[in-house]
Amino acid sequence: MQLKFLYVLPLPFSLNKFLPRLKKILYGNDIIVSMKHTTKSAPPRSVLQPMLLPLLERMKTVYIIWFSYYQKLPKTHRYTLGEKIDGIFIDIIETIAAASFLNKGGKAPYVRLAIRKTDTLKVLLLVLFETKSLDAKKYINLSTKLEEIGRMLGGWNGQLTRQNKQNSPK
């Protein structure tokens, strides 16, 4: 914290006021103004992170977790199965983002594609676990989060199916 003296000249303070032998150091009419000097404040959250669809936000979080695991995979799987899994993660994020901006009729195929890719991702992560390239704690962490995302995608697909049935002519 940096203190600044603003608009206070040192002239009113005489040297004898600050000598310790006096009973009073400052008299009642002396004023010292101090302000806390701060640097630029951080921009609001909306500037740093745009608001995302909750499903997309969760998928982004899981991908960040996966990326930390991906960097520590053995080389035998990092450049083969690891790259394939990484690509599928990115495909799912792209598919969910595309579906979120489409009209109601065009969302269903993208949501079904995201479900299919999520199921493929679960199987490939299981292969990594069974080949001992991914330990149990990491596998459980990823798979539980992917199960939750799968349920959310299934709920979104069901909602879209119901809406399409209601809007279809009879």
N, C-alpha and C. Protein backbone atom coordinates (compact mmCIF):
# COMPACT_ATOMS: atom_id res chain seq x y z
N MET A 1 0.85 -1.17 0.00
CA MET A 1 0.00 0.00 0.00
C MET A 1 0.90 1.23 0.00
N GLN A 2 0.57 2.16 -0.82
CA GLN A 2 1.36 3.37 -0.94
C GLN A 2 0.50 4.55 -0.49
N LEU A 3 1.03 5.33 0.41
CA LEU A 3 0.31 6.49 0.91
C LEU A 3 0.84 7.73 0.22
N LYS A 4 -0.06 8.63 -0.08
CA LYS A 4 0.31 9.90 -0.68
C LYS A 4 -0.27 11.02 0.17
N PHE A 5 0.49 12.09 0.31
CA PHE A 5 -0.01 13.26 0.98
C PHE A 5 -0.50 14.22 -0.10
N LEU A 6 -1.77 14.50 -0.07
CA LEU A 6 -2.36 15.34 -1.09
C LEU A 6 -2.68 16.71 -0.53
N TYR A 7 -2.28 17.72 -1.25
CA TYR A 7 -2.59 19.11 -0.93
C TYR A 7 -2.16 19.54 0.47
N VAL A 8 -1.17 18.92 1.02
CA VAL A 8 -0.68 19.30 2.33
C VAL A 8 0.77 19.72 2.16
N LEU A 9 1.03 20.96 2.42
CA LEU A 9 2.39 21.47 2.30
C LEU A 9 3.11 21.27 3.62
N PRO A 10 4.40 21.01 3.58
CA PRO A 10 5.13 20.80 4.83
C PRO A 10 5.41 22.09 5.59
N LEU A 11 5.07 23.25 5.04
CA LEU A 11 5.37 24.52 5.69
C LEU A 11 4.64 24.73 7.02
N PRO A 12 3.38 24.34 7.17
CA PRO A 12 2.73 24.58 8.46
C PRO A 12 3.35 23.81 9.62
N PHE A 13 4.05 22.74 9.33
CA PHE A 13 4.65 21.95 10.39
C PHE A 13 6.03 22.52 10.72
N SER A 14 6.14 23.04 11.87
CA SER A 14 7.46 23.55 12.25
C SER A 14 8.25 22.42 12.89
N LEU A 15 9.52 22.56 12.90
CA LEU A 15 10.40 21.52 13.39
C LEU A 15 10.14 21.22 14.87
N ASN A 16 9.84 22.23 15.65
CA ASN A 16 9.66 21.99 17.08
C ASN A 16 8.39 21.20 17.40
N LYS A 17 7.45 21.13 16.45
CA LYS A 17 6.25 20.33 16.69
C LYS A 17 6.57 18.84 16.73
N PHE A 18 7.64 18.42 16.06
CA PHE A 18 7.93 17.00 15.94
C PHE A 18 9.03 16.52 16.89
N LEU A 19 9.51 17.42 17.70
CA LEU A 19 10.53 17.00 18.64
C LEU A 19 9.86 16.20 19.77
N PRO A 20 10.48 15.12 20.20
CA PRO A 20 9.85 14.26 21.20
C PRO A 20 9.71 14.88 22.58
N ARG A 21 10.46 15.94 22.90
CA ARG A 21 10.37 16.52 24.24
C ARG A 21 9.06 17.25 24.48
N LEU A 22 8.32 17.58 23.40
CA LEU A 22 7.05 18.27 23.57
C LEU A 22 5.95 17.27 23.92
N LYS A 23 4.96 17.75 24.65
CA LYS A 23 3.87 16.87 25.04
C LYS A 23 2.97 16.53 23.85
N LYS A 24 2.72 17.51 23.04
CA LYS A 24 1.87 17.28 21.88
C LYS A 24 2.73 17.33 20.64
N ILE A 25 2.56 16.35 19.78
CA ILE A 25 3.31 16.34 18.53
C ILE A 25 2.52 17.08 17.47
N LEU A 26 1.25 16.77 17.33
CA LEU A 26 0.39 17.44 16.37
C LEU A 26 -0.71 18.16 17.13
N TYR A 27 -1.03 19.35 16.70
CA TYR A 27 -2.13 20.09 17.31
C TYR A 27 -3.40 19.80 16.55
N GLY A 28 -4.50 20.14 17.07
CA GLY A 28 -5.81 19.81 16.50
C GLY A 28 -6.08 20.40 15.14
N ASN A 29 -5.41 21.47 14.77
CA ASN A 29 -5.71 22.10 13.49
C ASN A 29 -4.82 21.58 12.35
N ASP A 30 -3.92 20.65 12.63
CA ASP A 30 -3.08 20.06 11.60
C ASP A 30 -3.86 18.90 10.94
N ILE A 31 -3.85 18.88 9.62
CA ILE A 31 -4.60 17.85 8.89
C ILE A 31 -3.65 17.11 7.96
N ILE A 32 -3.68 15.81 8.03
CA ILE A 32 -2.92 14.97 7.11
C ILE A 32 -3.93 14.15 6.33
N VAL A 33 -3.84 14.26 5.03
CA VAL A 33 -4.76 13.51 4.17
C VAL A 33 -3.97 12.40 3.50
N SER A 34 -4.47 11.21 3.57
CA SER A 34 -3.81 10.10 2.87
C SER A 34 -4.84 9.34 2.06
N MET A 35 -4.40 8.84 0.94
CA MET A 35 -5.28 8.06 0.08
C MET A 35 -4.54 6.81 -0.35
N LYS A 36 -5.26 5.77 -0.49
CA LYS A 36 -4.68 4.53 -0.98
C LYS A 36 -4.59 4.64 -2.50
N HIS A 37 -3.41 4.44 -3.02
CA HIS A 37 -3.21 4.51 -4.47
C HIS A 37 -3.32 3.09 -5.03
N THR A 38 -4.27 2.86 -5.90
CA THR A 38 -4.43 1.54 -6.49
C THR A 38 -4.07 1.57 -7.96
N THR A 39 -3.71 0.43 -8.46
CA THR A 39 -3.45 0.31 -9.88
C THR A 39 -4.78 0.09 -10.60
N LYS A 40 -4.71 -0.13 -11.90
CA LYS A 40 -5.95 -0.35 -12.66
C LYS A 40 -6.71 -1.53 -12.08
N SER A 41 -7.99 -1.41 -12.01
CA SER A 41 -8.79 -2.52 -11.51
C SER A 41 -8.94 -3.55 -12.62
N ALA A 42 -9.21 -4.78 -12.23
CA ALA A 42 -9.38 -5.87 -13.20
C ALA A 42 -10.67 -5.65 -13.98
N PRO A 43 -10.68 -6.01 -15.24
CA PRO A 43 -11.92 -5.86 -16.01
C PRO A 43 -13.00 -6.78 -15.47
N PRO A 44 -14.26 -6.46 -15.68
CA PRO A 44 -15.33 -7.31 -15.18
C PRO A 44 -15.25 -8.70 -15.79
N ARG A 45 -15.85 -9.67 -15.12
CA ARG A 45 -15.81 -11.07 -15.53
C ARG A 45 -16.30 -11.27 -16.96
N SER A 46 -17.28 -10.50 -17.38
CA SER A 46 -17.84 -10.68 -18.70
C SER A 46 -16.82 -10.38 -19.80
N VAL A 47 -15.84 -9.54 -19.49
CA VAL A 47 -14.81 -9.24 -20.48
C VAL A 47 -13.80 -10.38 -20.56
N LEU A 48 -13.44 -10.93 -19.40
CA LEU A 48 -12.46 -12.00 -19.37
C LEU A 48 -13.04 -13.32 -19.85
N GLN A 49 -14.20 -13.68 -19.36
CA GLN A 49 -14.81 -14.94 -19.72
C GLN A 49 -16.24 -14.70 -20.18
N PRO A 50 -16.51 -14.99 -21.42
CA PRO A 50 -17.89 -14.83 -21.87
C PRO A 50 -18.78 -15.88 -21.21
N MET A 51 -20.03 -15.56 -21.09
CA MET A 51 -20.98 -16.50 -20.51
C MET A 51 -21.19 -17.64 -21.50
N LEU A 52 -21.01 -18.86 -21.05
CA LEU A 52 -21.17 -20.04 -21.89
C LEU A 52 -22.38 -20.83 -21.45
N LEU A 53 -22.88 -21.63 -22.35
CA LEU A 53 -23.92 -22.59 -22.03
C LEU A 53 -23.38 -23.49 -20.92
N PRO A 54 -24.18 -23.84 -19.90
CA PRO A 54 -23.65 -24.65 -18.79
C PRO A 54 -23.00 -25.96 -19.27
N LEU A 55 -23.60 -26.57 -20.27
CA LEU A 55 -23.04 -27.80 -20.81
C LEU A 55 -21.66 -27.55 -21.43
N LEU A 56 -21.55 -26.47 -22.15
CA LEU A 56 -20.28 -26.10 -22.79
C LEU A 56 -19.24 -25.74 -21.73
N GLU A 57 -19.67 -25.09 -20.69
CA GLU A 57 -18.76 -24.74 -19.58
C GLU A 57 -18.22 -26.01 -18.92
N ARG A 58 -19.09 -26.99 -18.70
CA ARG A 58 -18.64 -28.25 -18.09
C ARG A 58 -17.68 -29.00 -19.01
N MET A 59 -17.99 -29.00 -20.29
CA MET A 59 -17.13 -29.69 -21.25
C MET A 59 -15.76 -29.03 -21.30
N LYS A 60 -15.73 -27.72 -21.23
CA LYS A 60 -14.47 -26.99 -21.21
C LYS A 60 -13.66 -27.36 -19.97
N THR A 61 -14.32 -27.46 -18.84
CA THR A 61 -13.65 -27.83 -17.59
C THR A 61 -13.06 -29.22 -17.67
N VAL A 62 -13.82 -30.17 -18.23
CA VAL A 62 -13.33 -31.54 -18.37
C VAL A 62 -12.15 -31.57 -19.33
N TYR A 63 -12.22 -30.79 -20.40
CA TYR A 63 -11.11 -30.77 -21.34
C TYR A 63 -9.84 -30.23 -20.69
N ILE A 64 -9.96 -29.23 -19.85
CA ILE A 64 -8.79 -28.69 -19.16
C ILE A 64 -8.18 -29.76 -18.24
N ILE A 65 -9.03 -30.52 -17.57
CA ILE A 65 -8.53 -31.62 -16.74
C ILE A 65 -7.84 -32.65 -17.62
N TRP A 66 -8.48 -33.04 -18.73
CA TRP A 66 -7.89 -34.00 -19.65
C TRP A 66 -6.53 -33.51 -20.15
N PHE A 67 -6.43 -32.25 -20.49
CA PHE A 67 -5.19 -31.73 -21.05
C PHE A 67 -4.04 -31.86 -20.06
N SER A 68 -4.32 -31.67 -18.78
CA SER A 68 -3.25 -31.85 -17.78
C SER A 68 -2.82 -33.32 -17.70
N TYR A 69 -3.77 -34.25 -17.90
CA TYR A 69 -3.43 -35.67 -17.90
C TYR A 69 -2.72 -36.05 -19.20
N TYR A 70 -3.15 -35.48 -20.29
CA TYR A 70 -2.62 -35.79 -21.61
C TYR A 70 -1.13 -35.50 -21.70
N GLN A 71 -0.70 -34.44 -21.07
CA GLN A 71 0.71 -34.08 -21.11
C GLN A 71 1.59 -35.07 -20.36
N LYS A 72 0.99 -35.86 -19.47
CA LYS A 72 1.77 -36.82 -18.68
C LYS A 72 1.57 -38.27 -19.13
N LEU A 73 0.87 -38.47 -20.24
CA LEU A 73 0.68 -39.83 -20.76
C LEU A 73 2.02 -40.39 -21.24
N PRO A 74 2.18 -41.71 -21.17
CA PRO A 74 3.39 -42.30 -21.76
C PRO A 74 3.43 -42.03 -23.26
N LYS A 75 4.63 -41.93 -23.81
CA LYS A 75 4.78 -41.58 -25.22
C LYS A 75 4.11 -42.59 -26.14
N THR A 76 4.03 -43.84 -25.71
CA THR A 76 3.42 -44.87 -26.57
C THR A 76 1.96 -44.55 -26.87
N HIS A 77 1.28 -43.88 -25.94
CA HIS A 77 -0.14 -43.54 -26.15
C HIS A 77 -0.38 -42.05 -26.38
N ARG A 78 0.57 -41.20 -26.01
CA ARG A 78 0.35 -39.76 -26.13
C ARG A 78 0.14 -39.35 -27.59
N TYR A 79 0.91 -39.93 -28.48
CA TYR A 79 0.85 -39.50 -29.87
C TYR A 79 -0.08 -40.36 -30.73
N THR A 80 -0.72 -41.33 -30.15
CA THR A 80 -1.68 -42.15 -30.90
C THR A 80 -3.07 -41.97 -30.29
N LEU A 81 -3.35 -42.74 -29.27
CA LEU A 81 -4.66 -42.70 -28.63
C LEU A 81 -4.91 -41.37 -27.93
N GLY A 82 -3.88 -40.82 -27.33
CA GLY A 82 -4.02 -39.53 -26.64
C GLY A 82 -4.42 -38.42 -27.60
N GLU A 83 -3.79 -38.38 -28.77
CA GLU A 83 -4.15 -37.36 -29.77
C GLU A 83 -5.56 -37.57 -30.28
N LYS A 84 -5.95 -38.83 -30.46
CA LYS A 84 -7.31 -39.12 -30.93
C LYS A 84 -8.34 -38.65 -29.90
N ILE A 85 -8.10 -38.94 -28.64
CA ILE A 85 -9.01 -38.50 -27.57
C ILE A 85 -9.05 -36.98 -27.51
N ASP A 86 -7.90 -36.34 -27.63
CA ASP A 86 -7.84 -34.89 -27.61
C ASP A 86 -8.66 -34.30 -28.75
N GLY A 87 -8.55 -34.89 -29.93
CA GLY A 87 -9.33 -34.43 -31.07
C GLY A 87 -10.83 -34.61 -30.87
N ILE A 88 -11.22 -35.71 -30.25
CA ILE A 88 -12.64 -35.95 -29.99
C ILE A 88 -13.18 -34.94 -28.98
N PHE A 89 -12.39 -34.63 -27.96
CA PHE A 89 -12.80 -33.59 -27.01
C PHE A 89 -13.08 -32.28 -27.74
N ILE A 90 -12.17 -31.90 -28.61
CA ILE A 90 -12.34 -30.64 -29.35
C ILE A 90 -13.55 -30.72 -30.27
N ASP A 91 -13.75 -31.89 -30.91
CA ASP A 91 -14.94 -32.06 -31.77
C ASP A 91 -16.23 -31.90 -30.98
N ILE A 92 -16.27 -32.46 -29.78
CA ILE A 92 -17.47 -32.35 -28.95
C ILE A 92 -17.73 -30.89 -28.59
N ILE A 93 -16.68 -30.18 -28.20
CA ILE A 93 -16.83 -28.76 -27.86
C ILE A 93 -17.35 -27.98 -29.06
N GLU A 94 -16.79 -28.25 -30.24
CA GLU A 94 -17.26 -27.57 -31.46
C GLU A 94 -18.71 -27.90 -31.76
N THR A 95 -19.09 -29.16 -31.60
CA THR A 95 -20.45 -29.59 -31.90
C THR A 95 -21.46 -28.95 -30.95
N ILE A 96 -21.13 -28.92 -29.66
CA ILE A 96 -22.03 -28.30 -28.68
C ILE A 96 -22.16 -26.81 -28.96
N ALA A 97 -21.03 -26.16 -29.27
CA ALA A 97 -21.08 -24.73 -29.57
C ALA A 97 -21.92 -24.46 -30.81
N ALA A 98 -21.78 -25.28 -31.83
CA ALA A 98 -22.58 -25.11 -33.05
C ALA A 98 -24.06 -25.31 -32.77
N ALA A 99 -24.38 -26.34 -31.98
CA ALA A 99 -25.78 -26.61 -31.66
C ALA A 99 -26.40 -25.48 -30.85
N SER A 100 -25.61 -24.83 -30.03
CA SER A 100 -26.18 -23.77 -29.19
C SER A 100 -26.59 -22.55 -30.00
N PHE A 101 -26.04 -22.38 -31.20
CA PHE A 101 -26.37 -21.22 -32.01
C PHE A 101 -27.36 -21.50 -33.13
N LEU A 102 -27.76 -22.75 -33.30
CA LEU A 102 -28.69 -23.09 -34.37
C LEU A 102 -30.13 -22.90 -33.92
N ASN A 103 -31.05 -22.89 -34.90
CA ASN A 103 -32.46 -22.83 -34.55
C ASN A 103 -32.91 -24.20 -34.04
N LYS A 104 -34.11 -24.26 -33.50
CA LYS A 104 -34.58 -25.48 -32.83
C LYS A 104 -34.57 -26.70 -33.75
N GLY A 105 -34.91 -26.52 -35.00
CA GLY A 105 -34.96 -27.66 -35.91
C GLY A 105 -33.60 -28.21 -36.27
N GLY A 106 -32.57 -27.39 -36.25
CA GLY A 106 -31.25 -27.82 -36.66
C GLY A 106 -30.36 -28.32 -35.54
N LYS A 107 -30.80 -28.21 -34.30
CA LYS A 107 -29.97 -28.59 -33.16
C LYS A 107 -29.87 -30.09 -32.98
N ALA A 108 -30.94 -30.81 -33.24
CA ALA A 108 -31.01 -32.24 -32.90
C ALA A 108 -29.87 -33.06 -33.51
N PRO A 109 -29.54 -32.91 -34.80
CA PRO A 109 -28.44 -33.72 -35.34
C PRO A 109 -27.10 -33.44 -34.65
N TYR A 110 -26.87 -32.20 -34.28
CA TYR A 110 -25.62 -31.86 -33.61
C TYR A 110 -25.58 -32.42 -32.19
N VAL A 111 -26.69 -32.40 -31.52
CA VAL A 111 -26.74 -32.95 -30.16
C VAL A 111 -26.53 -34.46 -30.22
N ARG A 112 -27.14 -35.14 -31.18
CA ARG A 112 -26.94 -36.59 -31.33
C ARG A 112 -25.48 -36.90 -31.67
N LEU A 113 -24.86 -36.07 -32.50
CA LEU A 113 -23.44 -36.27 -32.83
C LEU A 113 -22.57 -36.09 -31.58
N ALA A 114 -22.89 -35.12 -30.76
CA ALA A 114 -22.14 -34.91 -29.51
C ALA A 114 -22.31 -36.10 -28.57
N ILE A 115 -23.52 -36.68 -28.53
CA ILE A 115 -23.75 -37.87 -27.70
C ILE A 115 -22.90 -39.02 -28.21
N ARG A 116 -22.90 -39.23 -29.51
CA ARG A 116 -22.13 -40.33 -30.11
C ARG A 116 -20.63 -40.15 -29.83
N LYS A 117 -20.14 -38.95 -29.98
CA LYS A 117 -18.72 -38.70 -29.73
C LYS A 117 -18.37 -38.84 -28.25
N THR A 118 -19.28 -38.46 -27.38
CA THR A 118 -19.04 -38.62 -25.94
C THR A 118 -18.96 -40.09 -25.57
N ASP A 119 -19.82 -40.92 -26.15
CA ASP A 119 -19.76 -42.36 -25.90
C ASP A 119 -18.45 -42.95 -26.42
N THR A 120 -18.00 -42.50 -27.59
CA THR A 120 -16.71 -42.95 -28.13
C THR A 120 -15.57 -42.54 -27.21
N LEU A 121 -15.66 -41.34 -26.69
CA LEU A 121 -14.64 -40.83 -25.77
C LEU A 121 -14.56 -41.69 -24.51
N LYS A 122 -15.69 -42.08 -23.98
CA LYS A 122 -15.72 -42.93 -22.78
C LYS A 122 -15.01 -44.26 -23.05
N VAL A 123 -15.24 -44.85 -24.22
CA VAL A 123 -14.62 -46.13 -24.55
C VAL A 123 -13.11 -45.97 -24.71
N LEU A 124 -12.68 -44.92 -25.38
CA LEU A 124 -11.24 -44.71 -25.57
C LEU A 124 -10.53 -44.42 -24.25
N LEU A 125 -11.19 -43.72 -23.35
CA LEU A 125 -10.60 -43.49 -22.02
C LEU A 125 -10.50 -44.80 -21.25
N LEU A 126 -11.47 -45.68 -21.44
CA LEU A 126 -11.44 -47.01 -20.81
C LEU A 126 -10.24 -47.81 -21.32
N VAL A 127 -9.97 -47.70 -22.63
CA VAL A 127 -8.80 -48.38 -23.20
C VAL A 127 -7.52 -47.85 -22.57
N LEU A 128 -7.42 -46.55 -22.42
CA LEU A 128 -6.24 -45.97 -21.76
C LEU A 128 -6.10 -46.49 -20.34
N PHE A 129 -7.22 -46.61 -19.63
CA PHE A 129 -7.19 -47.10 -18.26
C PHE A 129 -6.76 -48.56 -18.22
N GLU A 130 -7.31 -49.38 -19.11
CA GLU A 130 -7.01 -50.81 -19.10
C GLU A 130 -5.58 -51.11 -19.54
N THR A 131 -4.97 -50.22 -20.30
CA THR A 131 -3.58 -50.41 -20.70
C THR A 131 -2.62 -49.77 -19.70
N LYS A 132 -3.15 -49.31 -18.59
CA LYS A 132 -2.38 -48.72 -17.49
C LYS A 132 -1.66 -47.42 -17.88
N SER A 133 -2.15 -46.75 -18.92
CA SER A 133 -1.59 -45.45 -19.29
C SER A 133 -2.26 -44.33 -18.51
N LEU A 134 -3.41 -44.61 -17.93
CA LEU A 134 -4.15 -43.65 -17.13
C LEU A 134 -4.50 -44.33 -15.82
N ASP A 135 -4.10 -43.75 -14.70
CA ASP A 135 -4.37 -44.42 -13.43
C ASP A 135 -5.85 -44.30 -13.04
N ALA A 136 -6.23 -45.07 -12.04
CA ALA A 136 -7.65 -45.20 -11.67
C ALA A 136 -8.24 -43.87 -11.21
N LYS A 137 -7.48 -43.12 -10.44
CA LYS A 137 -8.01 -41.84 -9.92
C LYS A 137 -8.32 -40.88 -11.06
N LYS A 138 -7.43 -40.78 -12.03
CA LYS A 138 -7.65 -39.89 -13.18
C LYS A 138 -8.81 -40.39 -14.04
N TYR A 139 -8.85 -41.71 -14.24
CA TYR A 139 -9.93 -42.27 -15.05
C TYR A 139 -11.29 -42.02 -14.41
N ILE A 140 -11.39 -42.23 -13.12
CA ILE A 140 -12.65 -42.02 -12.41
C ILE A 140 -13.05 -40.55 -12.47
N ASN A 141 -12.08 -39.66 -12.29
CA ASN A 141 -12.36 -38.23 -12.35
C ASN A 141 -12.95 -37.85 -13.71
N LEU A 142 -12.31 -38.31 -14.78
CA LEU A 142 -12.80 -37.98 -16.12
C LEU A 142 -14.13 -38.65 -16.43
N SER A 143 -14.23 -39.93 -16.10
CA SER A 143 -15.44 -40.68 -16.50
C SER A 143 -16.68 -40.20 -15.75
N THR A 144 -16.55 -39.81 -14.49
CA THR A 144 -17.74 -39.32 -13.77
C THR A 144 -18.21 -37.99 -14.36
N LYS A 145 -17.27 -37.15 -14.72
CA LYS A 145 -17.65 -35.87 -15.33
C LYS A 145 -18.24 -36.08 -16.73
N LEU A 146 -17.71 -37.05 -17.48
CA LEU A 146 -18.27 -37.33 -18.80
C LEU A 146 -19.65 -37.98 -18.70
N GLU A 147 -19.89 -38.75 -17.66
CA GLU A 147 -21.23 -39.31 -17.43
C GLU A 147 -22.25 -38.21 -17.21
N GLU A 148 -21.86 -37.22 -16.43
CA GLU A 148 -22.74 -36.09 -16.17
C GLU A 148 -23.02 -35.32 -17.47
N ILE A 149 -21.99 -35.11 -18.26
CA ILE A 149 -22.17 -34.43 -19.55
C ILE A 149 -23.07 -35.26 -20.46
N GLY A 150 -22.89 -36.57 -20.44
CA GLY A 150 -23.75 -37.45 -21.24
C GLY A 150 -25.21 -37.34 -20.84
N ARG A 151 -25.46 -37.27 -19.54
CA ARG A 151 -26.85 -37.10 -19.07
C ARG A 151 -27.42 -35.77 -19.51
N MET A 152 -26.59 -34.73 -19.46
CA MET A 152 -27.06 -33.41 -19.90
C MET A 152 -27.37 -33.40 -21.39
N LEU A 153 -26.51 -34.05 -22.18
CA LEU A 153 -26.76 -34.14 -23.62
C LEU A 153 -28.02 -34.96 -23.90
N GLY A 154 -28.21 -36.04 -23.15
CA GLY A 154 -29.42 -36.86 -23.32
C GLY A 154 -30.67 -36.08 -22.98
N GLY A 155 -30.61 -35.28 -21.93
CA GLY A 155 -31.76 -34.44 -21.56
C GLY A 155 -32.04 -33.40 -22.62
N TRP A 156 -31.00 -32.83 -23.19
CA TRP A 156 -31.16 -31.83 -24.25
C TRP A 156 -31.77 -32.48 -25.49
N ASN A 157 -31.31 -33.69 -25.81
CA ASN A 157 -31.86 -34.41 -26.96
C ASN A 157 -33.33 -34.75 -26.73
N GLY A 158 -33.67 -35.18 -25.54
CA GLY A 158 -35.08 -35.48 -25.23
C GLY A 158 -35.95 -34.25 -25.33
N GLN A 159 -35.46 -33.14 -24.84
CA GLN A 159 -36.21 -31.88 -24.91
C GLN A 159 -36.42 -31.48 -26.37
N LEU A 160 -35.38 -31.60 -27.19
CA LEU A 160 -35.52 -31.25 -28.60
C LEU A 160 -36.49 -32.19 -29.31
N THR A 161 -36.47 -33.46 -28.96
CA THR A 161 -37.39 -34.43 -29.58
C THR A 161 -38.83 -34.09 -29.22
N ARG A 162 -39.08 -33.76 -27.97
CA ARG A 162 -40.43 -33.39 -27.55
C ARG A 162 -40.89 -32.12 -28.26
N GLN A 163 -40.00 -31.14 -28.38
CA GLN A 163 -40.37 -29.90 -29.04
C GLN A 163 -40.65 -30.12 -30.52
N ASN A 164 -39.87 -30.99 -31.15
CA ASN A 164 -40.09 -31.26 -32.58
C ASN A 164 -41.39 -32.02 -32.80
N LYS A 165 -41.77 -32.90 -31.87
CA LYS A 165 -43.03 -33.62 -32.00
C LYS A 165 -44.22 -32.68 -31.84
N GLN A 166 -44.10 -31.73 -30.94
CA GLN A 166 -45.18 -30.76 -30.73
C GLN A 166 -45.33 -29.82 -31.90
N ASN A 167 -44.23 -29.48 -32.53
CA ASN A 167 -44.27 -28.53 -33.65
C ASN A 167 -44.57 -29.19 -34.99
N SER A 168 -44.49 -30.54 -35.06
CA SER A 168 -44.75 -31.20 -36.34
C SER A 168 -46.25 -31.21 -36.65
N PRO A 169 -46.62 -31.06 -37.94
CA PRO A 169 -48.04 -31.08 -38.30
C PRO A 169 -48.63 -32.47 -38.14
N LYS A 170 -49.89 -32.54 -37.73
CA LYS A 170 -50.54 -33.84 -37.50
C LYS A 170 -51.45 -34.21 -38.62
